[in-house]
Amino acid sequence: MLKKEILRKKEDFDAIYKAGRSVPDRYIVLFYRNNDLPYNRTAFLASKKVGNSVQRNRAKRLMKESYRLHREEFRAGYDLVFIARNTINGRKQRDVEKSLMNAAERGKVTG
């Protein structure tokens, strides 16, 4: 993932939460918004409700890997924020992958 493809600024997150849309799924919640750029920008979050730092980092790694495997299936021009739910603890990669892709399909950001 290139540096320009990572969301970091508070204004970007605020815009996504305020004007964007959300799609909940079993293990993740996807927030997305059109960014008028020729590429996607992403962020992977896990709050303290998910667990300790080991569990939060594992959740983020699982989401990042799931996105990486299906990156070509996502339509370009979106800001995507993937947030782990506390149900993600103890889940396998393929479970998180299914959840992520299901949310993306319901949000119509894949194509």
N, C-alpha and C. Protein backbone atom coordinates (compact mmCIF):
# COMPACT_ATOMS: atom_id res chain seq x y z
N MET A 1 0.85 -1.18 0.00
CA MET A 1 0.00 0.00 0.00
C MET A 1 0.89 1.24 0.00
N LEU A 2 0.63 2.13 -0.93
CA LEU A 2 1.41 3.36 -1.02
C LEU A 2 1.01 4.34 0.06
N LYS A 3 1.91 5.25 0.37
CA LYS A 3 1.67 6.22 1.44
C LYS A 3 0.45 7.09 1.16
N LYS A 4 0.24 7.45 -0.11
CA LYS A 4 -0.90 8.30 -0.46
C LYS A 4 -2.23 7.57 -0.32
N GLU A 5 -2.21 6.26 -0.22
CA GLU A 5 -3.42 5.45 -0.13
C GLU A 5 -3.87 5.18 1.30
N ILE A 6 -3.25 5.86 2.27
CA ILE A 6 -3.59 5.65 3.68
C ILE A 6 -4.24 6.92 4.22
N LEU A 7 -5.38 6.76 4.86
CA LEU A 7 -6.05 7.91 5.49
C LEU A 7 -5.38 8.22 6.82
N ARG A 8 -5.08 9.51 7.04
CA ARG A 8 -4.44 9.90 8.28
C ARG A 8 -5.04 11.15 8.91
N LYS A 9 -5.55 12.06 8.09
CA LYS A 9 -5.98 13.36 8.60
C LYS A 9 -7.35 13.30 9.27
N LYS A 10 -7.47 14.02 10.36
CA LYS A 10 -8.71 14.07 11.11
C LYS A 10 -9.86 14.60 10.25
N GLU A 11 -9.57 15.57 9.38
CA GLU A 11 -10.62 16.15 8.53
C GLU A 11 -11.20 15.09 7.59
N ASP A 12 -10.35 14.19 7.10
CA ASP A 12 -10.83 13.13 6.22
C ASP A 12 -11.75 12.17 6.97
N PHE A 13 -11.35 11.80 8.18
CA PHE A 13 -12.18 10.91 8.98
C PHE A 13 -13.51 11.58 9.33
N ASP A 14 -13.46 12.85 9.71
CA ASP A 14 -14.68 13.58 10.05
C ASP A 14 -15.63 13.64 8.85
N ALA A 15 -15.07 13.88 7.66
CA ALA A 15 -15.90 13.95 6.45
C ALA A 15 -16.55 12.60 6.14
N ILE A 16 -15.81 11.53 6.34
CA ILE A 16 -16.36 10.19 6.08
C ILE A 16 -17.48 9.87 7.07
N TYR A 17 -17.25 10.16 8.35
CA TYR A 17 -18.27 9.87 9.35
C TYR A 17 -19.50 10.74 9.19
N LYS A 18 -19.30 11.98 8.75
CA LYS A 18 -20.42 12.92 8.62
C LYS A 18 -21.19 12.73 7.31
N ALA A 19 -20.48 12.70 6.18
CA ALA A 19 -21.14 12.69 4.88
C ALA A 19 -21.11 11.33 4.19
N GLY A 20 -20.36 10.40 4.76
CA GLY A 20 -20.24 9.09 4.14
C GLY A 20 -21.38 8.16 4.54
N ARG A 21 -21.25 6.92 4.10
CA ARG A 21 -22.25 5.90 4.42
C ARG A 21 -21.57 4.77 5.19
N SER A 22 -22.37 3.98 5.90
CA SER A 22 -21.80 2.86 6.65
C SER A 22 -22.56 1.58 6.34
N VAL A 23 -21.82 0.47 6.40
CA VAL A 23 -22.39 -0.85 6.18
C VAL A 23 -21.87 -1.76 7.30
N PRO A 24 -22.74 -2.19 8.20
CA PRO A 24 -22.28 -3.11 9.25
C PRO A 24 -22.29 -4.55 8.76
N ASP A 25 -21.41 -5.34 9.29
CA ASP A 25 -21.41 -6.78 9.02
C ASP A 25 -21.03 -7.48 10.32
N ARG A 26 -20.90 -8.78 10.27
CA ARG A 26 -20.70 -9.55 11.49
C ARG A 26 -19.43 -9.18 12.26
N TYR A 27 -18.32 -9.01 11.54
CA TYR A 27 -17.04 -8.77 12.21
C TYR A 27 -16.48 -7.37 11.98
N ILE A 28 -17.01 -6.64 11.00
CA ILE A 28 -16.49 -5.31 10.71
C ILE A 28 -17.63 -4.34 10.41
N VAL A 29 -17.29 -3.05 10.44
CA VAL A 29 -18.19 -2.01 9.96
C VAL A 29 -17.38 -1.23 8.91
N LEU A 30 -17.99 -1.02 7.75
CA LEU A 30 -17.33 -0.29 6.68
C LEU A 30 -17.97 1.08 6.53
N PHE A 31 -17.15 2.12 6.65
CA PHE A 31 -17.57 3.49 6.34
C PHE A 31 -16.91 3.84 5.02
N TYR A 32 -17.66 4.45 4.11
CA TYR A 32 -17.08 4.81 2.82
C TYR A 32 -17.67 6.11 2.30
N ARG A 33 -16.90 6.75 1.42
CA ARG A 33 -17.30 8.01 0.84
C ARG A 33 -16.53 8.20 -0.46
N ASN A 34 -17.14 8.80 -1.45
CA ASN A 34 -16.48 9.07 -2.72
C ASN A 34 -15.42 10.15 -2.49
N ASN A 35 -14.21 9.96 -3.06
CA ASN A 35 -13.14 10.94 -2.82
C ASN A 35 -12.68 11.66 -4.09
N ASP A 36 -13.27 11.36 -5.24
CA ASP A 36 -12.93 12.02 -6.52
C ASP A 36 -11.45 11.90 -6.87
N LEU A 37 -10.81 10.84 -6.46
CA LEU A 37 -9.42 10.56 -6.80
C LEU A 37 -9.37 9.27 -7.62
N PRO A 38 -8.32 9.05 -8.39
CA PRO A 38 -8.25 7.82 -9.20
C PRO A 38 -7.81 6.57 -8.40
N TYR A 39 -7.76 6.68 -7.09
CA TYR A 39 -7.36 5.55 -6.24
C TYR A 39 -8.15 5.60 -4.94
N ASN A 40 -8.12 4.48 -4.22
CA ASN A 40 -8.79 4.40 -2.92
C ASN A 40 -7.82 4.78 -1.81
N ARG A 41 -8.37 5.36 -0.75
CA ARG A 41 -7.61 5.60 0.47
C ARG A 41 -8.28 4.79 1.57
N THR A 42 -7.48 4.13 2.40
CA THR A 42 -8.04 3.22 3.39
C THR A 42 -7.50 3.50 4.79
N ALA A 43 -8.26 3.03 5.78
CA ALA A 43 -7.84 3.04 7.17
C ALA A 43 -8.43 1.81 7.84
N PHE A 44 -7.69 1.23 8.76
CA PHE A 44 -8.12 0.04 9.48
C PHE A 44 -8.05 0.35 10.97
N LEU A 45 -9.19 0.29 11.65
CA LEU A 45 -9.26 0.70 13.05
C LEU A 45 -9.79 -0.42 13.94
N ALA A 46 -9.34 -0.42 15.17
CA ALA A 46 -9.86 -1.33 16.19
C ALA A 46 -9.83 -0.57 17.52
N SER A 47 -10.99 -0.39 18.12
CA SER A 47 -11.06 0.36 19.37
C SER A 47 -10.69 -0.54 20.55
N LYS A 48 -10.64 0.05 21.72
CA LYS A 48 -10.29 -0.72 22.91
C LYS A 48 -11.38 -1.72 23.28
N LYS A 49 -12.57 -1.56 22.71
CA LYS A 49 -13.63 -2.54 22.95
C LYS A 49 -13.28 -3.90 22.36
N VAL A 50 -12.38 -3.91 21.36
CA VAL A 50 -11.97 -5.15 20.72
C VAL A 50 -11.12 -5.98 21.67
N GLY A 51 -10.31 -5.31 22.50
CA GLY A 51 -9.49 -6.05 23.45
C GLY A 51 -8.18 -5.34 23.70
N ASN A 52 -7.21 -6.11 24.18
CA ASN A 52 -5.90 -5.52 24.47
C ASN A 52 -5.14 -5.25 23.17
N SER A 53 -3.94 -4.73 23.25
CA SER A 53 -3.20 -4.32 22.06
C SER A 53 -2.91 -5.49 21.12
N VAL A 54 -2.68 -6.66 21.66
CA VAL A 54 -2.42 -7.83 20.83
C VAL A 54 -3.66 -8.15 19.99
N GLN A 55 -4.82 -8.16 20.61
CA GLN A 55 -6.06 -8.46 19.89
C GLN A 55 -6.41 -7.38 18.87
N ARG A 56 -6.18 -6.12 19.24
CA ARG A 56 -6.46 -5.02 18.30
C ARG A 56 -5.55 -5.09 17.08
N ASN A 57 -4.28 -5.33 17.31
CA ASN A 57 -3.34 -5.42 16.19
C ASN A 57 -3.63 -6.62 15.30
N ARG A 58 -4.02 -7.73 15.88
CA ARG A 58 -4.39 -8.90 15.09
C ARG A 58 -5.61 -8.61 14.24
N ALA A 59 -6.59 -7.94 14.81
CA ALA A 59 -7.80 -7.58 14.06
C ALA A 59 -7.45 -6.69 12.87
N LYS A 60 -6.57 -5.72 13.08
CA LYS A 60 -6.16 -4.83 11.98
C LYS A 60 -5.38 -5.59 10.92
N ARG A 61 -4.53 -6.51 11.34
CA ARG A 61 -3.78 -7.32 10.36
C ARG A 61 -4.71 -8.17 9.53
N LEU A 62 -5.72 -8.78 10.16
CA LEU A 62 -6.67 -9.60 9.41
C LEU A 62 -7.44 -8.77 8.39
N MET A 63 -7.86 -7.57 8.77
CA MET A 63 -8.60 -6.71 7.84
C MET A 63 -7.70 -6.24 6.70
N LYS A 64 -6.45 -5.88 7.01
CA LYS A 64 -5.53 -5.43 5.97
C LYS A 64 -5.25 -6.54 4.96
N GLU A 65 -5.04 -7.74 5.44
CA GLU A 65 -4.77 -8.87 4.55
C GLU A 65 -5.99 -9.18 3.70
N SER A 66 -7.17 -9.12 4.28
CA SER A 66 -8.40 -9.37 3.51
C SER A 66 -8.55 -8.33 2.41
N TYR A 67 -8.28 -7.08 2.72
CA TYR A 67 -8.36 -6.02 1.70
C TYR A 67 -7.30 -6.24 0.63
N ARG A 68 -6.09 -6.59 1.03
CA ARG A 68 -5.00 -6.79 0.08
C ARG A 68 -5.32 -7.89 -0.93
N LEU A 69 -5.93 -8.97 -0.45
CA LEU A 69 -6.26 -10.09 -1.32
C LEU A 69 -7.33 -9.74 -2.36
N HIS A 70 -8.20 -8.79 -2.03
CA HIS A 70 -9.32 -8.45 -2.92
C HIS A 70 -9.24 -7.01 -3.43
N ARG A 71 -8.08 -6.43 -3.36
CA ARG A 71 -7.89 -5.03 -3.71
C ARG A 71 -8.38 -4.68 -5.12
N GLU A 72 -8.15 -5.57 -6.07
CA GLU A 72 -8.52 -5.31 -7.47
C GLU A 72 -10.04 -5.28 -7.67
N GLU A 73 -10.78 -5.90 -6.77
CA GLU A 73 -12.23 -5.96 -6.90
C GLU A 73 -12.92 -4.67 -6.46
N PHE A 74 -12.22 -3.80 -5.75
CA PHE A 74 -12.80 -2.55 -5.27
C PHE A 74 -12.75 -1.50 -6.37
N ARG A 75 -13.85 -0.77 -6.53
CA ARG A 75 -13.87 0.33 -7.49
C ARG A 75 -13.00 1.47 -6.96
N ALA A 76 -12.33 2.17 -7.85
CA ALA A 76 -11.44 3.27 -7.47
C ALA A 76 -12.25 4.52 -7.14
N GLY A 77 -11.68 5.37 -6.31
CA GLY A 77 -12.28 6.66 -6.00
C GLY A 77 -13.06 6.71 -4.70
N TYR A 78 -12.68 5.88 -3.73
CA TYR A 78 -13.39 5.86 -2.45
C TYR A 78 -12.42 6.00 -1.29
N ASP A 79 -12.89 6.62 -0.23
CA ASP A 79 -12.23 6.58 1.07
C ASP A 79 -12.92 5.47 1.85
N LEU A 80 -12.16 4.51 2.33
CA LEU A 80 -12.72 3.35 3.03
C LEU A 80 -12.14 3.28 4.44
N VAL A 81 -13.02 3.17 5.43
CA VAL A 81 -12.59 2.98 6.81
C VAL A 81 -13.19 1.67 7.30
N PHE A 82 -12.33 0.71 7.61
CA PHE A 82 -12.76 -0.59 8.12
C PHE A 82 -12.56 -0.58 9.63
N ILE A 83 -13.64 -0.79 10.37
CA ILE A 83 -13.57 -0.79 11.83
C ILE A 83 -13.91 -2.18 12.34
N ALA A 84 -13.02 -2.72 13.17
CA ALA A 84 -13.23 -4.06 13.74
C ALA A 84 -14.27 -4.00 14.84
N ARG A 85 -15.13 -5.01 14.88
CA ARG A 85 -16.07 -5.16 15.98
C ARG A 85 -15.48 -6.15 16.99
N ASN A 86 -15.99 -6.16 18.19
CA ASN A 86 -15.41 -7.07 19.20
C ASN A 86 -15.69 -8.54 18.88
N THR A 87 -16.58 -8.83 17.94
CA THR A 87 -16.85 -10.21 17.55
C THR A 87 -15.72 -10.80 16.69
N ILE A 88 -14.76 -9.96 16.29
CA ILE A 88 -13.67 -10.42 15.42
C ILE A 88 -12.65 -11.27 16.17
N ASN A 89 -12.64 -11.17 17.49
CA ASN A 89 -11.67 -11.92 18.31
C ASN A 89 -11.81 -13.42 18.10
N GLY A 90 -10.67 -14.08 17.85
CA GLY A 90 -10.65 -15.52 17.70
C GLY A 90 -11.13 -16.03 16.36
N ARG A 91 -11.34 -15.15 15.40
CA ARG A 91 -11.83 -15.56 14.09
C ARG A 91 -10.67 -15.83 13.14
N LYS A 92 -10.94 -16.68 12.16
CA LYS A 92 -9.94 -17.02 11.15
C LYS A 92 -9.92 -15.97 10.05
N GLN A 93 -8.86 -15.98 9.27
CA GLN A 93 -8.70 -15.05 8.16
C GLN A 93 -9.87 -15.13 7.18
N ARG A 94 -10.28 -16.34 6.82
CA ARG A 94 -11.35 -16.47 5.82
C ARG A 94 -12.69 -15.92 6.33
N ASP A 95 -12.94 -15.99 7.64
CA ASP A 95 -14.17 -15.43 8.19
C ASP A 95 -14.18 -13.91 8.06
N VAL A 96 -13.05 -13.28 8.38
CA VAL A 96 -12.93 -11.83 8.29
C VAL A 96 -13.01 -11.40 6.82
N GLU A 97 -12.39 -12.18 5.96
CA GLU A 97 -12.40 -11.91 4.52
C GLU A 97 -13.83 -11.92 3.97
N LYS A 98 -14.61 -12.92 4.36
CA LYS A 98 -16.01 -13.00 3.92
C LYS A 98 -16.81 -11.81 4.43
N SER A 99 -16.60 -11.45 5.67
CA SER A 99 -17.31 -10.33 6.27
C SER A 99 -16.97 -9.03 5.57
N LEU A 100 -15.68 -8.82 5.30
CA LEU A 100 -15.24 -7.60 4.64
C LEU A 100 -15.83 -7.50 3.23
N MET A 101 -15.77 -8.59 2.48
CA MET A 101 -16.28 -8.57 1.11
C MET A 101 -17.81 -8.45 1.09
N ASN A 102 -18.47 -9.04 2.04
CA ASN A 102 -19.93 -8.92 2.13
C ASN A 102 -20.33 -7.47 2.37
N ALA A 103 -19.64 -6.80 3.27
CA ALA A 103 -19.93 -5.39 3.55
C ALA A 103 -19.63 -4.54 2.31
N ALA A 104 -18.53 -4.82 1.64
CA ALA A 104 -18.16 -4.05 0.44
C ALA A 104 -19.19 -4.24 -0.68
N GLU A 105 -19.68 -5.45 -0.84
CA GLU A 105 -20.69 -5.71 -1.88
C GLU A 105 -22.00 -5.01 -1.55
N ARG A 106 -22.39 -5.04 -0.29
CA ARG A 106 -23.65 -4.37 0.10
C ARG A 106 -23.52 -2.85 0.00
N GLY A 107 -22.30 -2.33 0.16
CA GLY A 107 -22.07 -0.90 0.01
C GLY A 107 -21.83 -0.49 -1.43
N LYS A 108 -21.77 -1.47 -2.32
CA LYS A 108 -21.57 -1.25 -3.76
C LYS A 108 -20.25 -0.54 -4.06
N VAL A 109 -19.20 -0.87 -3.31
CA VAL A 109 -17.89 -0.31 -3.60
C VAL A 109 -17.02 -1.31 -4.36
N THR A 110 -17.54 -2.51 -4.60
CA THR A 110 -16.83 -3.47 -5.44
C THR A 110 -17.49 -3.47 -6.80
N GLY A 111 -16.76 -3.90 -7.78
CA GLY A 111 -17.36 -3.89 -9.10
C GLY A 111 -16.58 -4.68 -10.01
